[in-house]
Amino acid sequence: MPIDFNLYSFLSVFSIVLLSFITISVFYISFIEFCSSNNLDFKNIKIEEFLSIITSQPFNKSKKISNNEIKNFIELYFYKKLYLNKNKKVYDLISYFNKKFSDLESFNLDLESYFIEFRHKLLNE
């Protein structure tokens, strides 16, 4: 049986397993509110589609979603990649993008270049 990786289902299971963590619930609510306010089908959207939307120029500039929330979605994307394909390349990509994100936050740099590279290297596979 193939695994269903729509983001809503994944977050539902994820939040049930980790219900004791308030952050997960807030993250989950934020996701649904964001999707609802932007006419996105939160029950069927895939993580790749969602990341493509939130890292695009119009959404990125409008700041409708925080950088920390974007980082959390990127982590979910990497979790999915690891689950499906456990190899050194995936680990190296995770390490690379985590360090790059950390550097961007440390030096208060614009995330646009990060998003462009992320979309180019990972979402367009």
Protein backbone atom coordinates (compact mmCIF):
# COMPACT_ATOMS: atom_id res chain seq x y z
CA MET A 1 0.00 0.00 0.00
CA PRO A 2 1.58 3.32 -1.02
CA ILE A 3 2.10 5.89 1.67
CA ASP A 4 -0.05 9.00 1.36
CA PHE A 5 2.17 12.02 1.83
CA ASN A 6 -0.29 14.86 1.61
CA LEU A 7 0.73 17.45 4.14
CA TYR A 8 -2.56 17.59 6.00
CA SER A 9 -2.54 13.84 6.71
CA PHE A 10 1.09 13.93 7.69
CA LEU A 11 0.55 16.83 10.09
CA SER A 12 -2.55 15.15 11.50
CA VAL A 13 -0.64 12.00 12.38
CA PHE A 14 2.39 13.99 13.48
CA SER A 15 0.34 16.20 15.82
CA ILE A 16 -1.53 13.22 17.30
CA VAL A 17 1.72 11.44 18.09
CA LEU A 18 3.24 14.56 19.60
CA LEU A 19 0.11 16.12 21.03
CA SER A 20 1.87 17.01 24.26
CA PHE A 21 3.97 19.62 22.45
CA ILE A 22 2.03 22.86 22.12
CA THR A 23 4.26 24.04 19.32
CA ILE A 24 3.01 21.30 17.05
CA SER A 25 -0.59 22.32 17.62
CA VAL A 26 0.18 25.98 16.94
CA PHE A 27 2.12 24.97 13.84
CA TYR A 28 -0.80 22.84 12.67
CA ILE A 29 -3.33 25.64 13.24
CA SER A 30 -1.09 28.14 11.50
CA PHE A 31 -0.82 25.82 8.51
CA ILE A 32 -4.62 25.49 8.21
CA GLU A 33 -5.17 29.24 8.64
CA PHE A 34 -2.55 30.03 6.01
CA CYS A 35 -4.08 27.59 3.54
CA SER A 36 -7.59 28.84 4.19
CA SER A 37 -6.65 32.49 3.75
CA ASN A 38 -4.86 31.69 0.47
CA ASN A 39 -7.48 29.33 -1.01
CA LEU A 40 -5.25 26.27 -0.74
CA ASP A 41 -6.69 22.82 -0.20
CA PHE A 42 -4.96 21.98 3.08
CA LYS A 43 -6.33 18.44 3.12
CA ASN A 44 -4.70 17.45 -0.17
CA ILE A 45 -1.68 19.67 -0.68
CA LYS A 46 1.68 17.94 -0.88
CA ILE A 47 4.70 19.29 0.99
CA GLU A 48 6.49 20.01 -2.31
CA GLU A 49 3.56 22.06 -3.60
CA PHE A 50 3.21 23.94 -0.35
CA LEU A 51 6.92 24.78 -0.18
CA SER A 52 6.88 25.90 -3.77
CA ILE A 53 4.06 28.31 -2.95
CA ILE A 54 5.44 29.71 0.29
CA THR A 55 8.95 30.16 -1.06
CA SER A 56 7.74 31.99 -4.13
CA GLN A 57 8.24 35.73 -4.38
CA PRO A 58 4.69 36.97 -3.66
CA PHE A 59 4.17 34.86 -0.54
CA ASN A 60 7.70 35.33 0.65
CA LYS A 61 7.49 39.13 0.51
CA SER A 62 4.07 39.34 2.11
CA LYS A 63 5.32 37.67 5.32
CA LYS A 64 2.07 35.80 5.81
CA ILE A 65 4.09 32.98 7.25
CA SER A 66 7.07 33.35 9.58
CA ASN A 67 10.60 32.28 8.78
CA ASN A 68 10.46 29.76 11.62
CA GLU A 69 7.33 28.22 10.17
CA ILE A 70 8.94 28.03 6.74
CA LYS A 71 11.93 26.34 8.33
CA ASN A 72 9.59 23.83 10.00
CA PHE A 73 8.00 22.99 6.65
CA ILE A 74 11.42 22.58 5.10
CA GLU A 75 12.28 20.18 7.93
CA LEU A 76 9.11 18.21 7.18
CA TYR A 77 10.14 18.05 3.55
CA PHE A 78 13.53 16.67 4.56
CA TYR A 79 11.87 14.19 6.89
CA LYS A 80 9.87 12.90 3.94
CA LYS A 81 13.00 12.71 1.78
CA LEU A 82 14.82 10.75 4.47
CA TYR A 83 11.90 8.42 4.95
CA LEU A 84 11.75 7.63 1.25
CA ASN A 85 15.45 7.64 0.46
CA LYS A 86 18.03 7.07 3.17
CA ASN A 87 21.31 7.88 1.55
CA LYS A 88 24.29 10.15 2.11
CA LYS A 89 23.17 12.67 -0.50
CA VAL A 90 19.98 13.42 1.46
CA TYR A 91 21.93 13.83 4.70
CA ASP A 92 24.41 16.14 2.98
CA LEU A 93 21.58 18.27 1.57
CA ILE A 94 19.95 18.52 4.98
CA SER A 95 23.21 19.57 6.56
CA TYR A 96 23.91 22.09 3.81
CA PHE A 97 20.50 23.76 3.92
CA ASN A 98 20.36 23.77 7.72
CA LYS A 99 23.73 25.50 7.92
CA LYS A 100 22.77 27.96 5.23
CA PHE A 101 19.51 28.81 7.00
CA SER A 102 21.33 29.22 10.29
CA ASP A 103 23.85 31.57 8.66
CA LEU A 104 21.06 33.61 7.10
CA GLU A 105 19.39 34.08 10.46
CA SER A 106 22.65 34.78 12.28
CA PHE A 107 23.64 37.53 9.88
CA ASN A 108 20.08 38.75 9.30
CA LEU A 109 20.26 38.16 5.56
CA ASP A 110 17.43 38.02 3.07
CA LEU A 111 15.97 34.57 2.53
CA GLU A 112 15.30 35.05 -1.16
CA SER A 113 18.60 33.50 -2.28
CA TYR A 114 18.00 30.58 0.07
CA PHE A 115 14.54 30.02 -1.39
CA ILE A 116 15.81 30.21 -4.96
CA GLU A 117 18.51 27.65 -4.27
CA PHE A 118 16.16 25.41 -2.32
CA ARG A 119 13.59 25.46 -5.10
CA HIS A 120 16.20 24.87 -7.77
CA LYS A 121 18.04 22.01 -6.03
CA LEU A 122 15.21 20.21 -4.32
CA LEU A 123 11.76 21.07 -5.56
CA ASN A 124 12.63 20.76 -9.24
CA GLU A 125 13.97 17.21 -8.99
